[in-house]
Amino acid sequence: MQSVTGISQEIENLKLTLNQINTCLVEENDQLKCSDLLNLKKDLEELIELKENELLNCRKAQLLAEIGSILTDNQEKDDELQGTSLQTDSSTINEESLVGQRCSVPGWTSSGKFIRQNALILSVVDHDGDSPDRVRVLLAHPTRLSEIPCERFFETGTCHRGIRCTRSHGKIFNIEVSK
């Protein structure tokens, strides 16, 4: 496959030739020569279109190759990061690293189906020594009124309504359950 610059140069040369043919058509009075020039013009226009398609395909191939190399580099970096995170012991997980992370927690729909719901870790509830045991999560996409976060609890950490509050103060899960 030719390079992008080579194909671009060919297209420019073909367009110059097409302009010359158009000039000759304007100046030519002989009907036979005009028909030959019109056929040549038509062929050149088709060739220019084919070359432009070839140029687009060449650029597309270059972009796909570039994207592939970027994705490969990112995948290698992700693999390195996962390798280092897998090497760390779960006992070294601290409270600050958990708060704000996304997780998936088990739940039930109103129709009784078991699902996993996306959630956000709001706080660590029990933290004894090296590893946290339980976390408070807020559902990312609440489907019921009782799952919508209580604004007061979210802002201050407490709610004067307590258990009578119709909004959610978060659900508490074991750290192993929330993936």
C-alpha atoms as a PDB file:
ATOM      1  CA  MET A   1       0.000   0.000   0.000  1.00  0.00           C
ATOM      2  CA  GLN A   2       1.299   3.445  -0.896  1.00  0.00           C
ATOM      3  CA  SER A   3       1.907   6.183   1.607  1.00  0.00           C
ATOM      4  CA  VAL A   4      -0.588   8.939   2.283  1.00  0.00           C
ATOM      5  CA  THR A   5       1.708  11.610   0.858  1.00  0.00           C
ATOM      6  CA  GLY A   6       2.305   9.608  -2.335  1.00  0.00           C
ATOM      7  CA  ILE A   7      -1.398   9.136  -2.943  1.00  0.00           C
ATOM      8  CA  SER A   8      -2.084  12.809  -2.166  1.00  0.00           C
ATOM      9  CA  GLN A   9       0.552  13.847  -4.708  1.00  0.00           C
ATOM     10  CA  GLU A  10      -1.009  11.560  -7.341  1.00  0.00           C
ATOM     11  CA  ILE A  11      -4.434  13.089  -6.714  1.00  0.00           C
ATOM     12  CA  GLU A  12      -3.021  16.600  -7.102  1.00  0.00           C
ATOM     13  CA  ASN A  13      -1.338  15.633 -10.392  1.00  0.00           C
ATOM     14  CA  LEU A  14      -4.565  14.071 -11.681  1.00  0.00           C
ATOM     15  CA  LYS A  15      -6.531  17.205 -10.755  1.00  0.00           C
ATOM     16  CA  LEU A  16      -4.010  19.368 -12.616  1.00  0.00           C
ATOM     17  CA  THR A  17      -4.385  17.133 -15.665  1.00  0.00           C
ATOM     18  CA  LEU A  18      -8.177  17.388 -15.359  1.00  0.00           C
ATOM     19  CA  ASN A  19      -7.923  21.195 -15.316  1.00  0.00           C
ATOM     20  CA  GLN A  20      -5.775  21.075 -18.454  1.00  0.00           C
ATOM     21  CA  ILE A  21      -8.355  18.866 -20.180  1.00  0.00           C
ATOM     22  CA  ASN A  22     -11.129  21.300 -19.207  1.00  0.00           C
ATOM     23  CA  THR A  23      -9.092  24.134 -20.694  1.00  0.00           C
ATOM     24  CA  CYS A  24      -8.579  22.157 -23.910  1.00  0.00           C
ATOM     25  CA  LEU A  25     -12.315  21.417 -24.102  1.00  0.00           C
ATOM     26  CA  VAL A  26     -13.114  25.117 -23.976  1.00  0.00           C
ATOM     27  CA  GLU A  27     -10.590  25.917 -26.721  1.00  0.00           C
ATOM     28  CA  GLU A  28     -11.249  22.901 -29.009  1.00  0.00           C
ATOM     29  CA  ASN A  29     -13.622  23.248 -31.970  1.00  0.00           C
ATOM     30  CA  ASP A  30     -13.210  19.778 -33.517  1.00  0.00           C
ATOM     31  CA  GLN A  31     -16.132  17.522 -32.506  1.00  0.00           C
ATOM     32  CA  LEU A  32     -14.097  14.275 -32.666  1.00  0.00           C
ATOM     33  CA  LYS A  33     -11.360  15.625 -30.437  1.00  0.00           C
ATOM     34  CA  CYS A  34     -13.970  16.993 -28.015  1.00  0.00           C
ATOM     35  CA  SER A  35     -15.589  13.573 -27.618  1.00  0.00           C
ATOM     36  CA  ASP A  36     -12.161  12.033 -26.951  1.00  0.00           C
ATOM     37  CA  LEU A  37     -11.418  14.749 -24.408  1.00  0.00           C
ATOM     38  CA  LEU A  38     -14.812  14.204 -22.722  1.00  0.00           C
ATOM     39  CA  ASN A  39     -14.104  10.461 -22.439  1.00  0.00           C
ATOM     40  CA  LEU A  40     -10.669  11.226 -21.020  1.00  0.00           C
ATOM     41  CA  LYS A  41     -12.217  13.704 -18.561  1.00  0.00           C
ATOM     42  CA  LYS A  42     -14.739  11.091 -17.400  1.00  0.00           C
ATOM     43  CA  ASP A  43     -11.982   8.499 -16.937  1.00  0.00           C
ATOM     44  CA  LEU A  44      -9.842  10.970 -14.992  1.00  0.00           C
ATOM     45  CA  GLU A  45     -12.755  11.865 -12.701  1.00  0.00           C
ATOM     46  CA  GLU A  46     -13.287   8.154 -11.951  1.00  0.00           C
ATOM     47  CA  LEU A  47      -9.571   7.687 -11.320  1.00  0.00           C
ATOM     48  CA  ILE A  48      -9.508  10.680  -8.957  1.00  0.00           C
ATOM     49  CA  GLU A  49     -12.473   9.243  -7.053  1.00  0.00           C
ATOM     50  CA  LEU A  50     -10.746   5.851  -6.766  1.00  0.00           C
ATOM     51  CA  LYS A  51      -7.519   7.484  -5.582  1.00  0.00           C
ATOM     52  CA  GLU A  52      -9.425   9.519  -2.981  1.00  0.00           C
ATOM     53  CA  ASN A  53     -11.038   6.302  -1.707  1.00  0.00           C
ATOM     54  CA  GLU A  54      -7.606   4.678  -1.592  1.00  0.00           C
ATOM     55  CA  LEU A  55      -6.309   7.681   0.371  1.00  0.00           C
ATOM     56  CA  LEU A  56      -9.176   7.372   2.859  1.00  0.00           C
ATOM     57  CA  ASN A  57      -8.520   3.640   3.274  1.00  0.00           C
ATOM     58  CA  CYS A  58      -4.822   4.307   3.817  1.00  0.00           C
ATOM     59  CA  ARG A  59      -5.555   6.974   6.450  1.00  0.00           C
ATOM     60  CA  LYS A  60      -8.074   4.654   8.103  1.00  0.00           C
ATOM     61  CA  ALA A  61      -5.500   1.853   8.274  1.00  0.00           C
ATOM     62  CA  GLN A  62      -2.949   4.222   9.798  1.00  0.00           C
ATOM     63  CA  LEU A  63      -5.443   5.459  12.403  1.00  0.00           C
ATOM     64  CA  LEU A  64      -6.520   1.930  13.290  1.00  0.00           C
ATOM     65  CA  ALA A  65      -2.890   0.903  13.696  1.00  0.00           C
ATOM     66  CA  GLU A  66      -2.269   3.931  15.905  1.00  0.00           C
ATOM     67  CA  ILE A  67      -5.367   3.194  18.002  1.00  0.00           C
ATOM     68  CA  GLY A  68      -4.305  -0.436  18.298  1.00  0.00           C
ATOM     69  CA  SER A  69      -0.871   0.542  19.581  1.00  0.00           C
ATOM     70  CA  ILE A  70      -2.406   2.979  22.080  1.00  0.00           C
ATOM     71  CA  LEU A  71      -4.834   0.319  23.310  1.00  0.00           C
ATOM     72  CA  THR A  72      -1.999  -2.184  23.611  1.00  0.00           C
ATOM     73  CA  ASP A  73       0.044   0.305  25.638  1.00  0.00           C
ATOM     74  CA  ASN A  74      -2.935   1.060  27.901  1.00  0.00           C
ATOM     75  CA  GLN A  75      -3.656  -2.656  28.343  1.00  0.00           C
ATOM     76  CA  GLU A  76      -0.041  -3.273  29.337  1.00  0.00           C
ATOM     77  CA  LYS A  77      -0.219  -0.430  31.873  1.00  0.00           C
ATOM     78  CA  ASP A  78      -3.516  -1.774  33.250  1.00  0.00           C
ATOM     79  CA  ASP A  79      -2.026  -5.260  33.526  1.00  0.00           C
ATOM     80  CA  GLU A  80       0.948  -3.833  35.415  1.00  0.00           C
ATOM     81  CA  LEU A  81      -1.355  -1.924  37.771  1.00  0.00           C
ATOM     82  CA  GLN A  82      -3.535  -4.986  38.342  1.00  0.00           C
ATOM     83  CA  GLY A  83      -0.465  -7.077  38.991  1.00  0.00           C
ATOM     84  CA  THR A  84       0.719  -4.668  41.663  1.00  0.00           C
ATOM     85  CA  SER A  85      -2.747  -4.358  43.190  1.00  0.00           C
ATOM     86  CA  LEU A  86      -3.117  -8.130  43.335  1.00  0.00           C
ATOM     87  CA  GLN A  87       0.187  -8.344  45.149  1.00  0.00           C
ATOM     88  CA  THR A  88      -1.034  -6.058  47.920  1.00  0.00           C
ATOM     89  CA  ASP A  89      -2.652  -7.921  50.769  1.00  0.00           C
ATOM     90  CA  SER A  90      -6.317  -7.229  51.519  1.00  0.00           C
ATOM     91  CA  SER A  91      -5.309  -6.426  55.080  1.00  0.00           C
ATOM     92  CA  THR A  92      -3.536  -3.271  53.876  1.00  0.00           C
ATOM     93  CA  ILE A  93      -6.767  -1.744  52.550  1.00  0.00           C
ATOM     94  CA  ASN A  94      -7.390   1.423  54.482  1.00  0.00           C
ATOM     95  CA  GLU A  95     -10.488   3.473  55.011  1.00  0.00           C
ATOM     96  CA  GLU A  96      -9.483   6.399  52.776  1.00  0.00           C
ATOM     97  CA  SER A  97      -8.884   4.157  49.776  1.00  0.00           C
ATOM     98  CA  LEU A  98     -12.391   2.681  49.956  1.00  0.00           C
ATOM     99  CA  VAL A  99     -14.501   5.825  50.368  1.00  0.00           C
ATOM    100  CA  GLY A 100     -15.729   7.061  46.993  1.00  0.00           C
ATOM    101  CA  GLN A 101     -15.027   3.841  45.104  1.00  0.00           C
ATOM    102  CA  ARG A 102     -17.637   2.210  42.922  1.00  0.00           C
ATOM    103  CA  CYS A 103     -18.830  -1.262  43.741  1.00  0.00           C
ATOM    104  CA  SER A 104     -21.584  -3.724  42.952  1.00  0.00           C
ATOM    105  CA  VAL A 105     -23.930  -4.940  45.690  1.00  0.00           C
ATOM    106  CA  PRO A 106     -26.642  -7.612  45.707  1.00  0.00           C
ATOM    107  CA  GLY A 107     -30.279  -6.586  45.823  1.00  0.00           C
ATOM    108  CA  TRP A 108     -33.830  -7.483  44.908  1.00  0.00           C
ATOM    109  CA  THR A 109     -36.172  -5.801  42.465  1.00  0.00           C
ATOM    110  CA  SER A 110     -39.779  -4.978  43.304  1.00  0.00           C
ATOM    111  CA  SER A 111     -40.788  -7.975  41.169  1.00  0.00           C
ATOM    112  CA  GLY A 112     -38.622 -10.287  43.281  1.00  0.00           C
ATOM    113  CA  LYS A 113     -35.647 -10.781  40.972  1.00  0.00           C
ATOM    114  CA  PHE A 114     -32.121 -10.973  42.368  1.00  0.00           C
ATOM    115  CA  ILE A 115     -29.796  -8.425  40.766  1.00  0.00           C
ATOM    116  CA  ARG A 116     -26.469  -6.724  41.362  1.00  0.00           C
ATOM    117  CA  GLN A 117     -26.735  -2.951  41.683  1.00  0.00           C
ATOM    118  CA  ASN A 118     -24.067  -0.321  41.074  1.00  0.00           C
ATOM    119  CA  ALA A 119     -23.230   1.601  44.215  1.00  0.00           C
ATOM    120  CA  LEU A 120     -20.768   4.079  45.686  1.00  0.00           C
ATOM    121  CA  ILE A 121     -18.988   3.495  48.994  1.00  0.00           C
ATOM    122  CA  LEU A 122     -20.013   6.338  51.313  1.00  0.00           C
ATOM    123  CA  SER A 123     -18.127   5.349  54.464  1.00  0.00           C
ATOM    124  CA  VAL A 124     -16.503   2.508  56.357  1.00  0.00           C
ATOM    125  CA  VAL A 125     -18.739   1.406  59.235  1.00  0.00           C
ATOM    126  CA  ASP A 126     -16.592  -1.127  61.095  1.00  0.00           C
ATOM    127  CA  HIS A 127     -12.860  -0.750  60.965  1.00  0.00           C
ATOM    128  CA  ASP A 128     -11.002  -2.961  63.374  1.00  0.00           C
ATOM    129  CA  GLY A 129      -7.275  -2.972  63.007  1.00  0.00           C
ATOM    130  CA  ASP A 130      -5.936  -3.762  59.573  1.00  0.00           C
ATOM    131  CA  SER A 131      -8.992  -4.415  57.424  1.00  0.00           C
ATOM    132  CA  PRO A 132     -12.464  -2.867  57.226  1.00  0.00           C
ATOM    133  CA  ASP A 133     -15.343  -5.278  57.743  1.00  0.00           C
ATOM    134  CA  ARG A 134     -18.433  -3.366  56.643  1.00  0.00           C
ATOM    135  CA  VAL A 135     -19.123  -0.373  54.422  1.00  0.00           C
ATOM    136  CA  ARG A 136     -22.084   1.953  53.886  1.00  0.00           C
ATOM    137  CA  VAL A 137     -23.025   2.304  50.218  1.00  0.00           C
ATOM    138  CA  LEU A 138     -25.428   4.492  48.258  1.00  0.00           C
ATOM    139  CA  LEU A 139     -27.048   3.042  45.153  1.00  0.00           C
ATOM    140  CA  ALA A 140     -25.939   4.722  41.945  1.00  0.00           C
ATOM    141  CA  HIS A 141     -29.303   4.239  40.211  1.00  0.00           C
ATOM    142  CA  PRO A 142     -32.090   4.086  42.807  1.00  0.00           C
ATOM    143  CA  THR A 143     -35.321   2.542  41.569  1.00  0.00           C
ATOM    144  CA  ARG A 144     -37.501   3.229  44.614  1.00  0.00           C
ATOM    145  CA  LEU A 145     -38.171   6.334  46.679  1.00  0.00           C
ATOM    146  CA  SER A 146     -36.678   4.608  49.723  1.00  0.00           C
ATOM    147  CA  GLU A 147     -33.375   4.171  47.838  1.00  0.00           C
ATOM    148  CA  ILE A 148     -32.923   7.879  47.050  1.00  0.00           C
ATOM    149  CA  PRO A 149     -30.256   9.347  49.380  1.00  0.00           C
ATOM    150  CA  CYS A 150     -31.419  11.541  52.267  1.00  0.00           C
ATOM    151  CA  GLU A 151     -29.968  15.001  51.625  1.00  0.00           C
ATOM    152  CA  ARG A 152     -29.471  15.803  55.309  1.00  0.00           C
ATOM    153  CA  PHE A 153     -27.729  12.492  56.003  1.00  0.00           C
ATOM    154  CA  PHE A 154     -25.582  12.878  52.919  1.00  0.00           C
ATOM    155  CA  GLU A 155     -24.487  16.419  53.874  1.00  0.00           C
ATOM    156  CA  THR A 156     -24.074  16.110  57.655  1.00  0.00           C
ATOM    157  CA  GLY A 157     -23.836  12.385  58.326  1.00  0.00           C
ATOM    158  CA  THR A 158     -26.920  12.421  60.575  1.00  0.00           C
ATOM    159  CA  CYS A 159     -30.674  12.760  60.109  1.00  0.00           C
ATOM    160  CA  HIS A 160     -33.103  13.916  62.820  1.00  0.00           C
ATOM    161  CA  ARG A 161     -35.800  11.559  61.485  1.00  0.00           C
ATOM    162  CA  GLY A 162     -33.698   8.460  62.126  1.00  0.00           C
ATOM    163  CA  ILE A 163     -35.342   5.205  61.057  1.00  0.00           C
ATOM    164  CA  ARG A 164     -38.596   7.027  60.230  1.00  0.00           C
ATOM    165  CA  CYS A 165     -36.890   8.831  57.336  1.00  0.00           C
ATOM    166  CA  THR A 166     -38.401   7.873  53.978  1.00  0.00           C
ATOM    167  CA  ARG A 167     -35.097   8.345  52.180  1.00  0.00           C
ATOM    168  CA  SER A 168     -32.011   6.145  52.213  1.00  0.00           C
ATOM    169  CA  HIS A 169     -29.174   6.569  54.684  1.00  0.00           C
ATOM    170  CA  GLY A 170     -27.227   4.005  52.704  1.00  0.00           C
ATOM    171  CA  LYS A 171     -27.112   0.244  52.887  1.00  0.00           C
ATOM    172  CA  ILE A 172     -24.509  -1.558  54.938  1.00  0.00           C
ATOM    173  CA  PHE A 173     -22.691  -4.519  53.389  1.00  0.00           C
ATOM    174  CA  ASN A 174     -19.749  -6.695  54.255  1.00  0.00           C
ATOM    175  CA  ILE A 175     -16.704  -5.654  52.279  1.00  0.00           C
ATOM    176  CA  GLU A 176     -16.529  -9.123  50.676  1.00  0.00           C
ATOM    177  CA  VAL A 177     -20.100  -8.824  49.347  1.00  0.00           C
ATOM    178  CA  SER A 178     -19.525  -5.443  47.689  1.00  0.00           C
ATOM    179  CA  LYS A 179     -17.315  -6.124  44.711  1.00  0.00           C
END
